[in-house]
Amino acid sequence: MRRKVEIGILAAFVVAGLSLIILTSGRPDPRGIPAVFATPEITIRNVTDEVVRYWIKPADSTEKPLYKELPLGAIHRYPGTRGMVVTFVKGGNTVENTLASGLPYSFRYDEKDKLQIYQGAHGRADAVDLAPFVGTPMPVVEKMLEMARIDGRDVVYDLGCGDGRIVITAAKKYGARGVGIDIDPRRITESRAAAKEAGVEDLVKFICEDATKTDISRATVLAIYLLPESNELLRPKFEAQLKPGARIVCHNYDIPSWKSKEIDSIVMKDQLDEEHTIFLYKR
């Protein structure tokens, strides 16, 4: 089913069958962060419900673009330091995007159910891409925590924590403990640095891990900014691991089959006058 994707950082994306470098290979970081690619590469994942057809060539080249077909759920990889230009058809129009070396991208549907390319969350073939990385604006973060009625007794988990702003704010403003989970080691590095700067290192921790495999049984509050299909994918985990009374607060996308558990929702605007929806559920 085509799901709407909000935002973000539109870009393009790349594919190929050149040597695959596994994210978890190499010497591990002593803090538990997997080693990153030794060679920069562009990855492109297909998160749509159709085969994606596109053309690609190096950004600094005048050569004819190569035609590619990306199967459902598959990833194409382009190692190297060169940016790439990707061309595809969107709603009957030809769209061209330039992709930066060293970044992951994904083909998804936009808010109008049209094919679009977004900077993705990661380029791992062994893990689900739950959503592209887009930071939650701070006014929305504040409102999410307010709606969840956070206090110093809470343990706040954020699946797909990005730069850690939700659990860091919960710790700094309310004295709550927090755990941030993200599959991208760069996000974990940013989160740890931000926690140190905020002076809440003793209250929060950040783990580089696949959120579908995370134990969330200690959470009294769960914060998520994922796509509806990702929320639905994780719903059995919420039901199995969260204790009765736990609150789940979602930015922009609901948990489709949890209508009976929804206890509140609001629409608000951020500092750029953009609209956001927050959903609150109780386990």
C-alpha atoms as a PDB file:
ATOM      1  CA  MET A   1       0.000   0.000   0.000  1.00  0.00           C
ATOM      2  CA  ARG A   2       1.321   3.384  -0.845  1.00  0.00           C
ATOM      3  CA  ARG A   3       1.976   5.412   2.258  1.00  0.00           C
ATOM      4  CA  LYS A   4       2.476   9.119   2.436  1.00  0.00           C
ATOM      5  CA  VAL A   5       5.848  10.480   3.404  1.00  0.00           C
ATOM      6  CA  GLU A   6       6.240  13.969   4.812  1.00  0.00           C
ATOM      7  CA  ILE A   7       9.240  16.207   4.298  1.00  0.00           C
ATOM      8  CA  GLY A   8      12.429  16.311   4.152  1.00  0.00           C
ATOM      9  CA  ILE A   9      15.449  16.505   2.304  1.00  0.00           C
ATOM     10  CA  LEU A  10      14.597  15.493  -1.217  1.00  0.00           C
ATOM     11  CA  ALA A  11      17.466  14.001  -3.103  1.00  0.00           C
ATOM     12  CA  ALA A  12      18.161  11.235  -5.435  1.00  0.00           C
ATOM     13  CA  PHE A  13      19.769   7.999  -5.482  1.00  0.00           C
ATOM     14  CA  VAL A  14      21.931   5.283  -6.881  1.00  0.00           C
ATOM     15  CA  VAL A  15      22.285   1.626  -7.654  1.00  0.00           C
ATOM     16  CA  ALA A  16      24.668  -1.049  -8.797  1.00  0.00           C
ATOM     17  CA  GLY A  17      26.291  -4.342  -8.304  1.00  0.00           C
ATOM     18  CA  LEU A  18      29.739  -3.146  -7.321  1.00  0.00           C
ATOM     19  CA  SER A  19      31.460  -4.596  -4.290  1.00  0.00           C
ATOM     20  CA  LEU A  20      29.237  -4.725  -1.249  1.00  0.00           C
ATOM     21  CA  ILE A  21      30.742  -3.469   1.970  1.00  0.00           C
ATOM     22  CA  ILE A  22      28.945  -4.762   5.033  1.00  0.00           C
ATOM     23  CA  LEU A  23      28.254  -2.124   7.663  1.00  0.00           C
ATOM     24  CA  THR A  24      29.083  -4.390  10.552  1.00  0.00           C
ATOM     25  CA  SER A  25      32.437  -5.519   9.175  1.00  0.00           C
ATOM     26  CA  GLY A  26      35.750  -4.104  10.252  1.00  0.00           C
ATOM     27  CA  ARG A  27      36.973  -3.210  13.699  1.00  0.00           C
ATOM     28  CA  PRO A  28      34.110  -2.294  16.038  1.00  0.00           C
ATOM     29  CA  ASP A  29      33.986   1.029  17.844  1.00  0.00           C
ATOM     30  CA  PRO A  30      34.854   0.532  21.568  1.00  0.00           C
ATOM     31  CA  ARG A  31      31.512   2.172  22.475  1.00  0.00           C
ATOM     32  CA  GLY A  32      29.605  -0.441  20.511  1.00  0.00           C
ATOM     33  CA  ILE A  33      29.059   1.534  17.291  1.00  0.00           C
ATOM     34  CA  PRO A  34      29.570  -0.642  14.190  1.00  0.00           C
ATOM     35  CA  ALA A  35      32.399   0.334  11.870  1.00  0.00           C
ATOM     36  CA  VAL A  36      31.215   2.447   8.936  1.00  0.00           C
ATOM     37  CA  PHE A  37      32.094   1.983   5.304  1.00  0.00           C
ATOM     38  CA  ALA A  38      35.804   2.152   4.589  1.00  0.00           C
ATOM     39  CA  THR A  39      34.975   3.543   1.154  1.00  0.00           C
ATOM     40  CA  PRO A  40      32.265   6.198   0.685  1.00  0.00           C
ATOM     41  CA  GLU A  41      29.250   4.898  -1.188  1.00  0.00           C
ATOM     42  CA  ILE A  42      25.769   5.909  -2.208  1.00  0.00           C
ATOM     43  CA  THR A  43      23.016   3.430  -1.406  1.00  0.00           C
ATOM     44  CA  ILE A  44      19.483   3.462  -2.793  1.00  0.00           C
ATOM     45  CA  ARG A  45      16.674   1.374  -1.297  1.00  0.00           C
ATOM     46  CA  ASN A  46      13.255   0.721  -2.805  1.00  0.00           C
ATOM     47  CA  VAL A  47      10.584   1.269  -0.119  1.00  0.00           C
ATOM     48  CA  THR A  48       7.683   1.408  -2.607  1.00  0.00           C
ATOM     49  CA  ASP A  49       5.319  -1.332  -3.779  1.00  0.00           C
ATOM     50  CA  GLU A  50       6.637  -1.424  -7.350  1.00  0.00           C
ATOM     51  CA  VAL A  51       9.827  -1.940  -9.322  1.00  0.00           C
ATOM     52  CA  VAL A  52      11.522   1.465  -9.630  1.00  0.00           C
ATOM     53  CA  ARG A  53      13.063   2.328 -13.003  1.00  0.00           C
ATOM     54  CA  TYR A  54      15.665   5.080 -13.177  1.00  0.00           C
ATOM     55  CA  TRP A  55      18.786   6.320 -14.964  1.00  0.00           C
ATOM     56  CA  ILE A  56      22.070   7.149 -13.258  1.00  0.00           C
ATOM     57  CA  LYS A  57      25.464   8.648 -14.086  1.00  0.00           C
ATOM     58  CA  PRO A  58      28.349  10.406 -12.275  1.00  0.00           C
ATOM     59  CA  ALA A  59      27.557  14.057 -11.589  1.00  0.00           C
ATOM     60  CA  ASP A  60      30.766  15.255 -13.251  1.00  0.00           C
ATOM     61  CA  SER A  61      30.357  13.117 -16.372  1.00  0.00           C
ATOM     62  CA  THR A  62      28.901  13.791 -19.819  1.00  0.00           C
ATOM     63  CA  GLU A  63      28.473  10.076 -20.527  1.00  0.00           C
ATOM     64  CA  LYS A  64      25.091   8.541 -21.256  1.00  0.00           C
ATOM     65  CA  PRO A  65      23.175   7.543 -18.084  1.00  0.00           C
ATOM     66  CA  LEU A  66      22.777   3.842 -17.302  1.00  0.00           C
ATOM     67  CA  TYR A  67      19.252   2.412 -17.097  1.00  0.00           C
ATOM     68  CA  LYS A  68      18.517   0.551 -13.831  1.00  0.00           C
ATOM     69  CA  GLU A  69      15.626  -1.379 -12.348  1.00  0.00           C
ATOM     70  CA  LEU A  70      15.377  -1.592  -8.542  1.00  0.00           C
ATOM     71  CA  PRO A  71      13.200  -4.468  -7.248  1.00  0.00           C
ATOM     72  CA  LEU A  72      10.920  -4.109  -4.217  1.00  0.00           C
ATOM     73  CA  GLY A  73      12.934  -3.962  -1.001  1.00  0.00           C
ATOM     74  CA  ALA A  74      16.265  -4.126  -2.826  1.00  0.00           C
ATOM     75  CA  ILE A  75      19.299  -1.854  -2.431  1.00  0.00           C
ATOM     76  CA  HIS A  76      21.658  -0.581  -5.122  1.00  0.00           C
ATOM     77  CA  ARG A  77      25.163   0.544  -4.121  1.00  0.00           C
ATOM     78  CA  TYR A  78      27.666   2.876  -5.763  1.00  0.00           C
ATOM     79  CA  PRO A  79      31.058   2.951  -4.028  1.00  0.00           C
ATOM     80  CA  GLY A  80      33.338   5.939  -4.554  1.00  0.00           C
ATOM     81  CA  THR A  81      33.692   9.628  -3.829  1.00  0.00           C
ATOM     82  CA  ARG A  82      31.745  10.944  -6.838  1.00  0.00           C
ATOM     83  CA  GLY A  83      28.238  12.317  -6.572  1.00  0.00           C
ATOM     84  CA  MET A  84      25.634  10.777  -8.866  1.00  0.00           C
ATOM     85  CA  VAL A  85      22.752  12.158 -10.901  1.00  0.00           C
ATOM     86  CA  VAL A  86      19.564  10.085 -10.814  1.00  0.00           C
ATOM     87  CA  THR A  87      16.680  10.592 -13.246  1.00  0.00           C
ATOM     88  CA  PHE A  88      13.240   9.006 -12.899  1.00  0.00           C
ATOM     89  CA  VAL A  89       9.622   9.605 -13.906  1.00  0.00           C
ATOM     90  CA  LYS A  90       7.299  11.153 -11.313  1.00  0.00           C
ATOM     91  CA  GLY A  91       3.642  11.667 -12.189  1.00  0.00           C
ATOM     92  CA  GLY A  92       4.385  11.698 -15.897  1.00  0.00           C
ATOM     93  CA  ASN A  93       7.245  14.200 -15.554  1.00  0.00           C
ATOM     94  CA  THR A  94      10.975  13.492 -15.682  1.00  0.00           C
ATOM     95  CA  VAL A  95      12.732  14.425 -12.428  1.00  0.00           C
ATOM     96  CA  GLU A  96      16.490  14.756 -11.936  1.00  0.00           C
ATOM     97  CA  ASN A  97      18.235  14.661  -8.550  1.00  0.00           C
ATOM     98  CA  THR A  98      21.895  14.822  -7.532  1.00  0.00           C
ATOM     99  CA  LEU A  99      23.007  12.411  -4.800  1.00  0.00           C
ATOM    100  CA  ALA A 100      25.944  13.110  -2.505  1.00  0.00           C
ATOM    101  CA  SER A 101      28.669  10.516  -1.991  1.00  0.00           C
ATOM    102  CA  GLY A 102      28.609   8.652   1.313  1.00  0.00           C
ATOM    103  CA  LEU A 103      24.863   9.025   1.952  1.00  0.00           C
ATOM    104  CA  PRO A 104      21.951   6.563   1.874  1.00  0.00           C
ATOM    105  CA  TYR A 105      18.817   7.307  -0.156  1.00  0.00           C
ATOM    106  CA  SER A 106      15.452   5.640  -0.615  1.00  0.00           C
ATOM    107  CA  PHE A 107      12.684   5.689  -3.215  1.00  0.00           C
ATOM    108  CA  ARG A 108       9.378   6.278  -1.405  1.00  0.00           C
ATOM    109  CA  TYR A 109       6.000   7.850  -2.121  1.00  0.00           C
ATOM    110  CA  ASP A 110       5.513  11.508  -1.212  1.00  0.00           C
ATOM    111  CA  GLU A 111       2.436  13.130   0.380  1.00  0.00           C
ATOM    112  CA  LYS A 112       0.674  12.960  -2.995  1.00  0.00           C
ATOM    113  CA  ASP A 113       1.490   9.271  -3.473  1.00  0.00           C
ATOM    114  CA  LYS A 114       4.008  10.143  -6.195  1.00  0.00           C
ATOM    115  CA  LEU A 115       7.421   8.511  -6.519  1.00  0.00           C
ATOM    116  CA  GLN A 116      10.141  10.539  -4.803  1.00  0.00           C
ATOM    117  CA  ILE A 117      13.688  10.050  -3.597  1.00  0.00           C
ATOM    118  CA  TYR A 118      14.628  10.901  -0.024  1.00  0.00           C
ATOM    119  CA  GLN A 119      17.807  10.803   1.980  1.00  0.00           C
ATOM    120  CA  GLY A 120      17.340   7.523   3.823  1.00  0.00           C
ATOM    121  CA  ALA A 121      18.018   6.269   7.329  1.00  0.00           C
ATOM    122  CA  HIS A 122      20.684   3.683   6.460  1.00  0.00           C
ATOM    123  CA  GLY A 123      21.944   1.415   3.724  1.00  0.00           C
ATOM    124  CA  ARG A 124      21.914  -1.934   5.523  1.00  0.00           C
ATOM    125  CA  ALA A 125      20.444  -4.899   3.698  1.00  0.00           C
ATOM    126  CA  ASP A 126      19.838  -6.829   6.938  1.00  0.00           C
ATOM    127  CA  ALA A 127      17.485  -4.333   8.572  1.00  0.00           C
ATOM    128  CA  VAL A 128      14.182  -2.629   7.785  1.00  0.00           C
ATOM    129  CA  ASP A 129      14.369   1.062   6.834  1.00  0.00           C
ATOM    130  CA  LEU A 130      11.645   2.401   9.144  1.00  0.00           C
ATOM    131  CA  ALA A 131      11.795   6.035   7.978  1.00  0.00           C
ATOM    132  CA  PRO A 132      14.111   8.621   6.444  1.00  0.00           C
ATOM    133  CA  PHE A 133      15.947  10.726   9.035  1.00  0.00           C
ATOM    134  CA  VAL A 134      14.205  14.041   9.659  1.00  0.00           C
ATOM    135  CA  GLY A 135      14.596  15.877  12.942  1.00  0.00           C
ATOM    136  CA  THR A 136      11.475  16.749  14.956  1.00  0.00           C
ATOM    137  CA  PRO A 137      11.242  20.550  15.449  1.00  0.00           C
ATOM    138  CA  MET A 138      11.872  21.547  19.067  1.00  0.00           C
ATOM    139  CA  PRO A 139       8.381  23.041  19.638  1.00  0.00           C
ATOM    140  CA  VAL A 140       6.969  19.638  18.619  1.00  0.00           C
ATOM    141  CA  VAL A 141       9.410  17.831  20.922  1.00  0.00           C
ATOM    142  CA  GLU A 142       8.279  20.014  23.827  1.00  0.00           C
ATOM    143  CA  LYS A 143       4.610  19.350  23.066  1.00  0.00           C
ATOM    144  CA  MET A 144       5.123  15.597  22.712  1.00  0.00           C
ATOM    145  CA  LEU A 145       6.692  15.417  26.165  1.00  0.00           C
ATOM    146  CA  GLU A 146       4.034  17.673  27.630  1.00  0.00           C
ATOM    147  CA  MET A 147       1.225  15.507  26.231  1.00  0.00           C
ATOM    148  CA  ALA A 148       2.884  12.356  27.593  1.00  0.00           C
ATOM    149  CA  ARG A 149       3.018  13.992  31.066  1.00  0.00           C
ATOM    150  CA  ILE A 150       6.696  13.212  31.578  1.00  0.00           C
ATOM    151  CA  ASP A 151       8.182  13.375  35.072  1.00  0.00           C
ATOM    152  CA  GLY A 152      11.318  12.219  36.873  1.00  0.00           C
ATOM    153  CA  ARG A 153       9.963   8.690  37.374  1.00  0.00           C
ATOM    154  CA  ASP A 154       9.702   7.999  33.647  1.00  0.00           C
ATOM    155  CA  VAL A 155      11.997   6.060  31.357  1.00  0.00           C
ATOM    156  CA  VAL A 156      11.638   7.501  27.844  1.00  0.00           C
ATOM    157  CA  TYR A 157      12.610   5.400  24.825  1.00  0.00           C
ATOM    158  CA  ASP A 158      12.938   6.935  21.357  1.00  0.00           C
ATOM    159  CA  LEU A 159      13.040   4.489  18.437  1.00  0.00           C
ATOM    160  CA  GLY A 160      14.896   6.187  15.609  1.00  0.00           C
ATOM    161  CA  CYS A 161      16.299   8.831  17.952  1.00  0.00           C
ATOM    162  CA  GLY A 162      18.253  10.796  15.347  1.00  0.00           C
ATOM    163  CA  ASP A 163      20.318  13.396  17.203  1.00  0.00           C
ATOM    164  CA  GLY A 164      18.773  12.412  20.552  1.00  0.00           C
ATOM    165  CA  ARG A 165      16.803  15.597  21.106  1.00  0.00           C
ATOM    166  CA  ILE A 166      13.690  13.923  22.583  1.00  0.00           C
ATOM    167  CA  VAL A 167      15.360  11.899  25.339  1.00  0.00           C
ATOM    168  CA  ILE A 168      17.860  14.696  26.035  1.00  0.00           C
ATOM    169  CA  THR A 169      15.032  17.225  26.452  1.00  0.00           C
ATOM    170  CA  ALA A 170      13.100  14.797  28.674  1.00  0.00           C
ATOM    171  CA  ALA A 171      16.179  14.402  30.881  1.00  0.00           C
ATOM    172  CA  LYS A 172      17.110  18.089  30.997  1.00  0.00           C
ATOM    173  CA  LYS A 173      13.606  19.492  31.515  1.00  0.00           C
ATOM    174  CA  TYR A 174      11.910  16.754  33.560  1.00  0.00           C
ATOM    175  CA  GLY A 175      14.759  14.701  35.055  1.00  0.00           C
ATOM    176  CA  ALA A 176      13.560  11.573  33.249  1.00  0.00           C
ATOM    177  CA  ARG A 177      15.881   8.778  32.248  1.00  0.00           C
ATOM    178  CA  GLY A 178      16.066   8.009  28.553  1.00  0.00           C
ATOM    179  CA  VAL A 179      17.295   5.545  25.939  1.00  0.00           C
ATOM    180  CA  GLY A 180      17.735   6.472  22.283  1.00  0.00           C
ATOM    181  CA  ILE A 181      17.911   3.782  19.592  1.00  0.00           C
ATOM    182  CA  ASP A 182      19.158   4.386  16.071  1.00  0.00           C
ATOM    183  CA  ILE A 183      20.627   2.106  13.426  1.00  0.00           C
ATOM    184  CA  ASP A 184      22.884   4.843  12.010  1.00  0.00           C
ATOM    185  CA  PRO A 185      26.186   5.121  13.942  1.00  0.00           C
ATOM    186  CA  ARG A 186      26.515   8.769  12.911  1.00  0.00           C
ATOM    187  CA  ARG A 187      23.271   9.605  14.704  1.00  0.00           C
ATOM    188  CA  ILE A 188      24.483   7.828  17.841  1.00  0.00           C
ATOM    189  CA  THR A 189      27.729   9.803  17.802  1.00  0.00           C
ATOM    190  CA  GLU A 190      25.742  13.052  17.477  1.00  0.00           C
ATOM    191  CA  SER A 191      23.380  12.036  20.288  1.00  0.00           C
ATOM    192  CA  ARG A 192      26.179  11.216  22.718  1.00  0.00           C
ATOM    193  CA  ALA A 193      27.908  14.506  21.982  1.00  0.00           C
ATOM    194  CA  ALA A 194      24.641  16.420  22.490  1.00  0.00           C
ATOM    195  CA  ALA A 195      23.955  14.636  25.798  1.00  0.00           C
ATOM    196  CA  LYS A 196      27.415  15.563  27.040  1.00  0.00           C
ATOM    197  CA  GLU A 197      26.923  19.181  26.032  1.00  0.00           C
ATOM    198  CA  ALA A 198      23.528  19.243  27.801  1.00  0.00           C
ATOM    199  CA  GLY A 199      25.028  17.719  30.950  1.00  0.00           C
ATOM    200  CA  VAL A 200      22.648  14.739  31.066  1.00  0.00           C
ATOM    201  CA  GLU A 201      25.059  11.887  30.327  1.00  0.00           C
ATOM    202  CA  ASP A 202      24.148  10.239  33.635  1.00  0.00           C
ATOM    203  CA  LEU A 203      20.449  10.091  32.691  1.00  0.00           C
ATOM    204  CA  VAL A 204      20.495   8.975  29.058  1.00  0.00           C
ATOM    205  CA  LYS A 205      22.192   6.420  26.876  1.00  0.00           C
ATOM    206  CA  PHE A 206      22.220   5.806  23.142  1.00  0.00           C
ATOM    207  CA  ILE A 207      22.441   2.419  21.452  1.00  0.00           C
ATOM    208  CA  CYS A 208      23.252   1.671  17.813  1.00  0.00           C
ATOM    209  CA  GLU A 209      20.756  -1.064  17.085  1.00  0.00           C
ATOM    210  CA  ASP A 210      17.954  -2.217  14.775  1.00  0.00           C
ATOM    211  CA  ALA A 211      14.789  -0.875  16.454  1.00  0.00           C
ATOM    212  CA  THR A 212      12.829  -3.973  15.467  1.00  0.00           C
ATOM    213  CA  LYS A 213      15.122  -5.993  17.763  1.00  0.00           C
ATOM    214  CA  THR A 214      15.236  -3.570  20.714  1.00  0.00           C
ATOM    215  CA  ASP A 215      13.865  -4.612  24.112  1.00  0.00           C
ATOM    216  CA  ILE A 216      11.538  -1.766  25.147  1.00  0.00           C
ATOM    217  CA  SER A 217      10.078  -3.429  28.258  1.00  0.00           C
ATOM    218  CA  ARG A 218      11.594  -0.793  30.593  1.00  0.00           C
ATOM    219  CA  ALA A 219       9.916   2.112  28.780  1.00  0.00           C
ATOM    220  CA  THR A 220       7.131   4.007  30.511  1.00  0.00           C
ATOM    221  CA  VAL A 221       7.001   6.435  27.575  1.00  0.00           C
ATOM    222  CA  LEU A 222       7.794   5.589  23.966  1.00  0.00           C
ATOM    223  CA  ALA A 223       8.414   8.344  21.397  1.00  0.00           C
ATOM    224  CA  ILE A 224       8.371   7.590  17.672  1.00  0.00           C
ATOM    225  CA  TYR A 225       8.552   9.511  14.407  1.00  0.00           C
ATOM    226  CA  LEU A 226       8.168   6.681  11.917  1.00  0.00           C
ATOM    227  CA  LEU A 227       5.942   5.939   8.943  1.00  0.00           C
ATOM    228  CA  PRO A 228       2.483   4.380   9.478  1.00  0.00           C
ATOM    229  CA  GLU A 229       3.567   1.030   8.026  1.00  0.00           C
ATOM    230  CA  SER A 230       6.585   1.049  10.352  1.00  0.00           C
ATOM    231  CA  ASN A 231       4.375   1.838  13.356  1.00  0.00           C
ATOM    232  CA  GLU A 232       2.151  -1.065  12.354  1.00  0.00           C
ATOM    233  CA  LEU A 233       5.157  -3.350  11.904  1.00  0.00           C
ATOM    234  CA  LEU A 234       6.282  -2.540  15.464  1.00  0.00           C
ATOM    235  CA  ARG A 235       2.804  -2.728  17.011  1.00  0.00           C
ATOM    236  CA  PRO A 236       3.118  -6.404  18.081  1.00  0.00           C
ATOM    237  CA  LYS A 237       6.323  -5.444  19.928  1.00  0.00           C
ATOM    238  CA  PHE A 238       4.478  -2.599  21.687  1.00  0.00           C
ATOM    239  CA  GLU A 239       1.731  -4.981  22.749  1.00  0.00           C
ATOM    240  CA  ALA A 240       4.114  -7.712  23.902  1.00  0.00           C
ATOM    241  CA  GLN A 241       6.730  -5.625  25.727  1.00  0.00           C
ATOM    242  CA  LEU A 242       5.183  -2.391  26.989  1.00  0.00           C
ATOM    243  CA  LYS A 243       3.583  -2.596  30.407  1.00  0.00           C
ATOM    244  CA  PRO A 244      -0.062  -1.525  30.923  1.00  0.00           C
ATOM    245  CA  GLY A 245      -0.197   2.231  31.425  1.00  0.00           C
ATOM    246  CA  ALA A 246       2.809   2.985  29.203  1.00  0.00           C
ATOM    247  CA  ARG A 247       2.277   5.998  26.913  1.00  0.00           C
ATOM    248  CA  ILE A 248       3.207   6.078  23.246  1.00  0.00           C
ATOM    249  CA  VAL A 249       3.534   9.483  21.591  1.00  0.00           C
ATOM    250  CA  CYS A 250       3.817   9.673  17.784  1.00  0.00           C
ATOM    251  CA  HIS A 251       4.861  12.575  15.597  1.00  0.00           C
ATOM    252  CA  ASN A 252       2.809  13.007  12.401  1.00  0.00           C
ATOM    253  CA  TYR A 253       1.919   9.353  11.790  1.00  0.00           C
ATOM    254  CA  ASP A 254      -0.499   7.252  13.798  1.00  0.00           C
ATOM    255  CA  ILE A 255      -0.580   3.559  14.677  1.00  0.00           C
ATOM    256  CA  PRO A 256      -3.321   2.508  12.226  1.00  0.00           C
ATOM    257  CA  SER A 257      -4.820  -0.402  14.191  1.00  0.00           C
ATOM    258  CA  TRP A 258      -4.645   1.280  17.602  1.00  0.00           C
ATOM    259  CA  LYS A 259      -7.622   3.620  17.226  1.00  0.00           C
ATOM    260  CA  SER A 260      -9.144   2.227  20.434  1.00  0.00           C
ATOM    261  CA  LYS A 261      -5.988   3.071  22.401  1.00  0.00           C
ATOM    262  CA  GLU A 262      -5.724   6.686  21.218  1.00  0.00           C
ATOM    263  CA  ILE A 263      -6.380   9.070  24.102  1.00  0.00           C
ATOM    264  CA  ASP A 264      -5.427  12.392  22.551  1.00  0.00           C
ATOM    265  CA  SER A 265      -4.237  14.083  19.368  1.00  0.00           C
ATOM    266  CA  ILE A 266      -3.476  17.648  18.424  1.00  0.00           C
ATOM    267  CA  VAL A 267      -2.446  19.648  15.366  1.00  0.00           C
ATOM    268  CA  MET A 268       0.135  22.380  15.928  1.00  0.00           C
ATOM    269  CA  LYS A 269       2.500  24.626  13.985  1.00  0.00           C
ATOM    270  CA  ASP A 270       6.240  24.869  14.434  1.00  0.00           C
ATOM    271  CA  GLN A 271       8.475  27.930  14.302  1.00  0.00           C
ATOM    272  CA  LEU A 272       8.360  27.841  10.487  1.00  0.00           C
ATOM    273  CA  ASP A 273       4.553  27.769  10.511  1.00  0.00           C
ATOM    274  CA  GLU A 274       4.499  24.173   9.266  1.00  0.00           C
ATOM    275  CA  GLU A 275       1.730  21.908  10.554  1.00  0.00           C
ATOM    276  CA  HIS A 276       2.397  18.818  12.680  1.00  0.00           C
ATOM    277  CA  THR A 277       0.108  16.233  14.236  1.00  0.00           C
ATOM    278  CA  ILE A 278       0.853  14.479  17.545  1.00  0.00           C
ATOM    279  CA  PHE A 279      -0.917  11.265  18.569  1.00  0.00           C
ATOM    280  CA  LEU A 280      -0.959   9.946  22.148  1.00  0.00           C
ATOM    281  CA  TYR A 281      -1.785   6.333  23.019  1.00  0.00           C
ATOM    282  CA  LYS A 282      -1.995   4.420  26.294  1.00  0.00           C
ATOM    283  CA  ARG A 283      -1.059   0.749  26.490  1.00  0.00           C
END
